[in-house]
C-alpha atoms as a PDB file:
ATOM      1  CA  MET A   1      98.219 114.198  59.569  1.00  0.00           C
ATOM      2  CA  LYS A   2     100.119 110.968  60.214  1.00  0.00           C
ATOM      3  CA  GLN A   3     101.544 112.390  63.434  1.00  0.00           C
ATOM      4  CA  VAL A   4      98.073 113.395  64.667  1.00  0.00           C
ATOM      5  CA  THR A   5      96.809 109.880  63.904  1.00  0.00           C
ATOM      6  CA  LYS A   6      99.769 108.363  65.754  1.00  0.00           C
ATOM      7  CA  LEU A   7      99.140 110.667  68.721  1.00  0.00           C
ATOM      8  CA  VAL A   8      95.451 109.736  68.843  1.00  0.00           C
ATOM      9  CA  LEU A   9      96.331 106.040  68.670  1.00  0.00           C
ATOM     10  CA  ALA A  10      98.941 106.443  71.420  1.00  0.00           C
ATOM     11  CA  VAL A  11      96.405 108.203  73.677  1.00  0.00           C
ATOM     12  CA  MET A  12      93.854 105.455  72.995  1.00  0.00           C
ATOM     13  CA  VAL A  13      96.382 102.751  73.844  1.00  0.00           C
ATOM     14  CA  VAL A  14      97.426 104.491  77.073  1.00  0.00           C
ATOM     15  CA  ALA A  15      93.796 105.116  78.063  1.00  0.00           C
ATOM     16  CA  GLY A  16      92.909 101.514  77.268  1.00  0.00           C
ATOM     17  CA  THR A  17      95.827 100.299  79.375  1.00  0.00           C
ATOM     18  CA  ALA A  18      94.728 102.494  82.287  1.00  0.00           C
ATOM     19  CA  ILE A  19      91.181 101.179  82.100  1.00  0.00           C
ATOM     20  CA  ALA A  20      92.336  97.581  81.764  1.00  0.00           C
ATOM     21  CA  GLY A  21      94.704  98.137  84.688  1.00  0.00           C
ATOM     22  CA  ALA A  22      91.819  99.379  86.816  1.00  0.00           C
ATOM     23  CA  GLN A  23      89.952  96.170  86.105  1.00  0.00           C
ATOM     24  CA  VAL A  24      92.949  94.040  87.008  1.00  0.00           C
ATOM     25  CA  ASN A  25      93.535  95.914  90.270  1.00  0.00           C
ATOM     26  CA  GLN A  26      89.880  95.876  91.267  1.00  0.00           C
ATOM     27  CA  PRO A  27      87.980  92.870  89.971  1.00  0.00           C
ATOM     28  CA  GLY A  28      84.359  93.688  89.363  1.00  0.00           C
ATOM     29  CA  VAL A  29      84.886  97.375  88.543  1.00  0.00           C
ATOM     30  CA  ASN A  30      82.901  98.471  85.514  1.00  0.00           C
ATOM     31  CA  ALA A  31      85.661 100.315  83.643  1.00  0.00           C
ATOM     32  CA  ALA A  32      83.252 102.193  81.369  1.00  0.00           C
ATOM     33  CA  ALA A  33      81.224 103.447  84.339  1.00  0.00           C
ATOM     34  CA  LYS A  34      84.371 104.487  86.168  1.00  0.00           C
ATOM     35  CA  ALA A  35      85.834 106.235  83.110  1.00  0.00           C
ATOM     36  CA  SER A  36      82.613 108.226  82.640  1.00  0.00           C
ATOM     37  CA  HIS A  37      82.176 108.840  86.405  1.00  0.00           C
ATOM     38  CA  THR A  38      78.704 107.311  86.173  1.00  0.00           C
ATOM     39  CA  PRO A  39      77.722 105.132  89.146  1.00  0.00           C
ATOM     40  CA  VAL A  40      76.333 101.701  88.283  1.00  0.00           C
ATOM     41  CA  ILE A  41      73.508 102.301  90.770  1.00  0.00           C
ATOM     42  CA  GLN A  42      71.878 105.465  92.067  1.00  0.00           C
ATOM     43  CA  TYR A  43      72.356 106.228  95.759  1.00  0.00           C
ATOM     44  CA  THR A  44      71.493 108.950  98.238  1.00  0.00           C
ATOM     45  CA  PRO A  45      74.618 110.918  99.148  1.00  0.00           C
ATOM     46  CA  SER A  46      75.238 111.181 102.906  1.00  0.00           C
ATOM     47  CA  LYS A  47      72.260 109.019 103.888  1.00  0.00           C
ATOM     48  CA  HIS A  48      72.654 108.211 107.595  1.00  0.00           C
ATOM     49  CA  ILE A  49      73.684 104.540 107.765  1.00  0.00           C
ATOM     50  CA  TYR A  50      76.635 104.516 110.192  1.00  0.00           C
ATOM     51  CA  PRO A  51      76.151 104.826 113.960  1.00  0.00           C
ATOM     52  CA  GLU A  52      77.899 107.413 116.096  1.00  0.00           C
ATOM     53  CA  ILE A  53      81.672 106.988 116.318  1.00  0.00           C
ATOM     54  CA  ALA A  54      81.545 106.124 120.033  1.00  0.00           C
ATOM     55  CA  ALA A  55      79.182 103.184 119.428  1.00  0.00           C
ATOM     56  CA  ALA A  56      81.770 100.999 117.662  1.00  0.00           C
ATOM     57  CA  PRO A  57      83.458  99.193 120.598  1.00  0.00           C
ATOM     58  CA  GLY A  58      80.105  98.217 122.123  1.00  0.00           C
ATOM     59  CA  ASP A  59      78.626  97.270 118.743  1.00  0.00           C
ATOM     60  CA  VAL A  60      81.574  94.970 117.960  1.00  0.00           C
ATOM     61  CA  ALA A  61      81.413  93.340 121.417  1.00  0.00           C
ATOM     62  CA  ALA A  62      77.647  92.790 121.090  1.00  0.00           C
ATOM     63  CA  ALA A  63      78.073  91.310 117.593  1.00  0.00           C
ATOM     64  CA  LEU A  64      80.748  88.879 118.807  1.00  0.00           C
ATOM     65  CA  LYS A  65      78.486  87.761 121.647  1.00  0.00           C
ATOM     66  CA  GLN A  66      75.566  87.280 119.244  1.00  0.00           C
ATOM     67  CA  ALA A  67      77.802  85.463 116.736  1.00  0.00           C
ATOM     68  CA  ARG A  68      78.894  82.973 119.415  1.00  0.00           C
ATOM     69  CA  LYS A  69      75.288  82.318 120.355  1.00  0.00           C
ATOM     70  CA  GLU A  70      74.087  81.960 116.736  1.00  0.00           C
ATOM     71  CA  HIS A  71      77.224  80.249 115.348  1.00  0.00           C
ATOM     72  CA  LYS A  72      77.833  82.993 112.802  1.00  0.00           C
ATOM     73  CA  ARG A  73      80.694  85.190 111.671  1.00  0.00           C
ATOM     74  CA  VAL A  74      80.898  88.970 111.925  1.00  0.00           C
ATOM     75  CA  ILE A  75      81.333  91.373 109.015  1.00  0.00           C
ATOM     76  CA  LEU A  76      82.887  94.656 110.089  1.00  0.00           C
ATOM     77  CA  ASP A  77      82.057  97.416 107.612  1.00  0.00           C
ATOM     78  CA  PHE A  78      84.401 100.372 108.140  1.00  0.00           C
ATOM     79  CA  GLY A  79      83.044 103.513 106.507  1.00  0.00           C
ATOM     80  CA  ALA A  80      81.162 106.763 106.961  1.00  0.00           C
ATOM     81  CA  ASP A  81      77.987 108.490 105.811  1.00  0.00           C
ATOM     82  CA  TRP A  82      79.910 110.957 103.593  1.00  0.00           C
ATOM     83  CA  CYS A  83      81.321 108.087 101.486  1.00  0.00           C
ATOM     84  CA  GLY A  84      79.360 107.382  98.297  1.00  0.00           C
ATOM     85  CA  ASP A  85      80.982 103.973  97.896  1.00  0.00           C
ATOM     86  CA  CYS A  86      79.872 103.116 101.457  1.00  0.00           C
ATOM     87  CA  GLN A  87      76.320 104.128 100.523  1.00  0.00           C
ATOM     88  CA  VAL A  88      76.393 101.790  97.520  1.00  0.00           C
ATOM     89  CA  LEU A  89      77.850  98.937  99.592  1.00  0.00           C
ATOM     90  CA  ASP A  90      74.955  99.359 102.030  1.00  0.00           C
ATOM     91  CA  ILE A  91      72.469  99.130  99.155  1.00  0.00           C
ATOM     92  CA  TYR A  92      74.171  95.958  97.906  1.00  0.00           C
ATOM     93  CA  PHE A  93      74.168  94.439 101.410  1.00  0.00           C
ATOM     94  CA  HIS A  94      70.381  94.763 101.354  1.00  0.00           C
ATOM     95  CA  GLN A  95      69.749  93.398  97.860  1.00  0.00           C
ATOM     96  CA  SER A  96      68.846  89.798  97.188  1.00  0.00           C
ATOM     97  CA  PRO A  97      70.633  87.374  97.352  1.00  0.00           C
ATOM     98  CA  ASN A  98      73.273  89.258  99.397  1.00  0.00           C
ATOM     99  CA  GLU A  99      70.788  90.135 102.136  1.00  0.00           C
ATOM    100  CA  GLU A 100      69.778  86.498 102.625  1.00  0.00           C
ATOM    101  CA  ILE A 101      73.392  85.281 102.629  1.00  0.00           C
ATOM    102  CA  VAL A 102      74.429  87.888 105.184  1.00  0.00           C
ATOM    103  CA  ALA A 103      71.405  87.221 107.407  1.00  0.00           C
ATOM    104  CA  LYS A 104      72.009  83.459 107.375  1.00  0.00           C
ATOM    105  CA  HIS A 105      75.765  83.454 108.030  1.00  0.00           C
ATOM    106  CA  PHE A 106      76.850  86.815 109.447  1.00  0.00           C
ATOM    107  CA  ILE A 107      76.257  89.600 111.928  1.00  0.00           C
ATOM    108  CA  GLU A 108      76.964  92.923 110.211  1.00  0.00           C
ATOM    109  CA  VAL A 109      78.523  95.774 112.179  1.00  0.00           C
ATOM    110  CA  LYS A 110      78.939  99.215 110.691  1.00  0.00           C
ATOM    111  CA  VAL A 111      81.953 100.982 112.193  1.00  0.00           C
ATOM    112  CA  ASN A 112      82.013 104.744 111.670  1.00  0.00           C
ATOM    113  CA  ILE A 113      85.543 105.890 110.889  1.00  0.00           C
ATOM    114  CA  GLY A 114      84.705 109.605 110.761  1.00  0.00           C
ATOM    115  CA  ARG A 115      86.962 111.252 108.173  1.00  0.00           C
ATOM    116  CA  GLU A 116      89.267 108.220 108.286  1.00  0.00           C
ATOM    117  CA  ASP A 117      90.409 109.414 111.700  1.00  0.00           C
ATOM    118  CA  ALA A 118      88.169 107.505 114.126  1.00  0.00           C
ATOM    119  CA  ASN A 119      87.990 103.880 115.276  1.00  0.00           C
ATOM    120  CA  LEU A 120      91.228 103.136 113.437  1.00  0.00           C
ATOM    121  CA  ASP A 121      92.365 101.102 116.441  1.00  0.00           C
ATOM    122  CA  ILE A 122      89.477  98.709 115.784  1.00  0.00           C
ATOM    123  CA  ALA A 123      90.261  98.580 112.070  1.00  0.00           C
ATOM    124  CA  HIS A 124      93.934  97.845 112.707  1.00  0.00           C
ATOM    125  CA  LYS A 125      93.068  95.207 115.316  1.00  0.00           C
ATOM    126  CA  TYR A 126      91.239  93.309 112.578  1.00  0.00           C
ATOM    127  CA  GLY A 127      93.845  93.801 109.849  1.00  0.00           C
ATOM    128  CA  VAL A 128      92.258  96.705 107.981  1.00  0.00           C
ATOM    129  CA  PRO A 129      94.743  99.531 107.347  1.00  0.00           C
ATOM    130  CA  VAL A 130      92.009 101.922 106.057  1.00  0.00           C
ATOM    131  CA  HIS A 131      93.597 103.500 103.013  1.00  0.00           C
ATOM    132  CA  GLY A 132      90.144 103.970 101.537  1.00  0.00           C
ATOM    133  CA  VAL A 133      86.568 103.165 102.396  1.00  0.00           C
ATOM    134  CA  PRO A 134      84.531 101.133 102.571  1.00  0.00           C
ATOM    135  CA  ALA A 135      86.811  98.487 104.004  1.00  0.00           C
ATOM    136  CA  LEU A 136      85.665  95.134 105.354  1.00  0.00           C
ATOM    137  CA  ALA A 137      86.846  92.440 107.711  1.00  0.00           C
ATOM    138  CA  VAL A 138      85.252  89.082 108.416  1.00  0.00           C
ATOM    139  CA  ILE A 139      85.971  87.679 111.857  1.00  0.00           C
ATOM    140  CA  ASP A 140      84.866  84.547 113.628  1.00  0.00           C
ATOM    141  CA  ALA A 141      82.803  84.577 116.821  1.00  0.00           C
ATOM    142  CA  ASN A 142      86.000  84.751 118.902  1.00  0.00           C
ATOM    143  CA  GLY A 143      87.354  87.779 117.050  1.00  0.00           C
ATOM    144  CA  LYS A 144      89.886  85.918 114.907  1.00  0.00           C
ATOM    145  CA  VAL A 145      90.348  87.536 111.496  1.00  0.00           C
ATOM    146  CA  ILE A 146      89.244  85.295 108.640  1.00  0.00           C
ATOM    147  CA  VAL A 147      89.746  87.863 105.898  1.00  0.00           C
ATOM    148  CA  SER A 148      90.298  91.587 105.753  1.00  0.00           C
ATOM    149  CA  GLN A 149      90.688  94.025 102.927  1.00  0.00           C
ATOM    150  CA  ASP A 150      91.431  97.663 102.426  1.00  0.00           C
ATOM    151  CA  LYS A 151      90.671  99.279  99.070  1.00  0.00           C
ATOM    152  CA  GLU A 152      88.865  96.432  97.332  1.00  0.00           C
ATOM    153  CA  PHE A 153      85.529  98.268  97.508  1.00  0.00           C
ATOM    154  CA  SER A 154      86.760 101.865  97.348  1.00  0.00           C
ATOM    155  CA  ASP A 155      85.151 102.097  93.885  1.00  0.00           C
ATOM    156  CA  MET A 156      81.935 100.323  94.892  1.00  0.00           C
ATOM    157  CA  ARG A 157      79.778 102.809  92.993  1.00  0.00           C
ATOM    158  CA  TYR A 158      81.285 101.398  89.783  1.00  0.00           C
ATOM    159  CA  MET A 159      80.836  97.762  90.808  1.00  0.00           C
ATOM    160  CA  GLN A 160      77.957  95.289  90.678  1.00  0.00           C
ATOM    161  CA  SER A 161      76.318  93.779  93.767  1.00  0.00           C
ATOM    162  CA  SER A 162      77.835  90.428  92.797  1.00  0.00           C
ATOM    163  CA  SER A 163      81.247  91.832  93.818  1.00  0.00           C
ATOM    164  CA  LEU A 164      80.094  91.594  97.427  1.00  0.00           C
ATOM    165  CA  ARG A 165      79.206  87.912  97.048  1.00  0.00           C
ATOM    166  CA  THR A 166      82.569  87.254  95.413  1.00  0.00           C
ATOM    167  CA  PHE A 167      84.304  88.761  98.449  1.00  0.00           C
END
């Protein structure tokens, strides 16, 4: 009986360490939601939110032009319709106060990366290696990278909308 108790305690410690580690590696992740595979928010799988793959170069150029005119920055959102975390990020982009912050300071561009095999040249140009999606980059009106990230939001379905503001 003592050995079973020790084994149970060891499993609990290891599981607790794994969950705590997930929180350290991805601030804002709800460890309980992730452990139970229960999204923090409901979303529509494969809702069409990303434009056609071929649209990206023109969309980025148009956003940079608009950003120069409006004195804003550009948020490049690399993702795809099949990605549940991308769907949740889109929901959070359109929730208050995120929506107002983005509208006031940024031009958002969704860049369709297919099955992580398209528009990677654009992602790499702006410092996003795309090891998971969604991935974001913020650039100034001249295309200079201000910040880029790779896997920070790859568990967005287990995160709160405030994680976007923190970024």
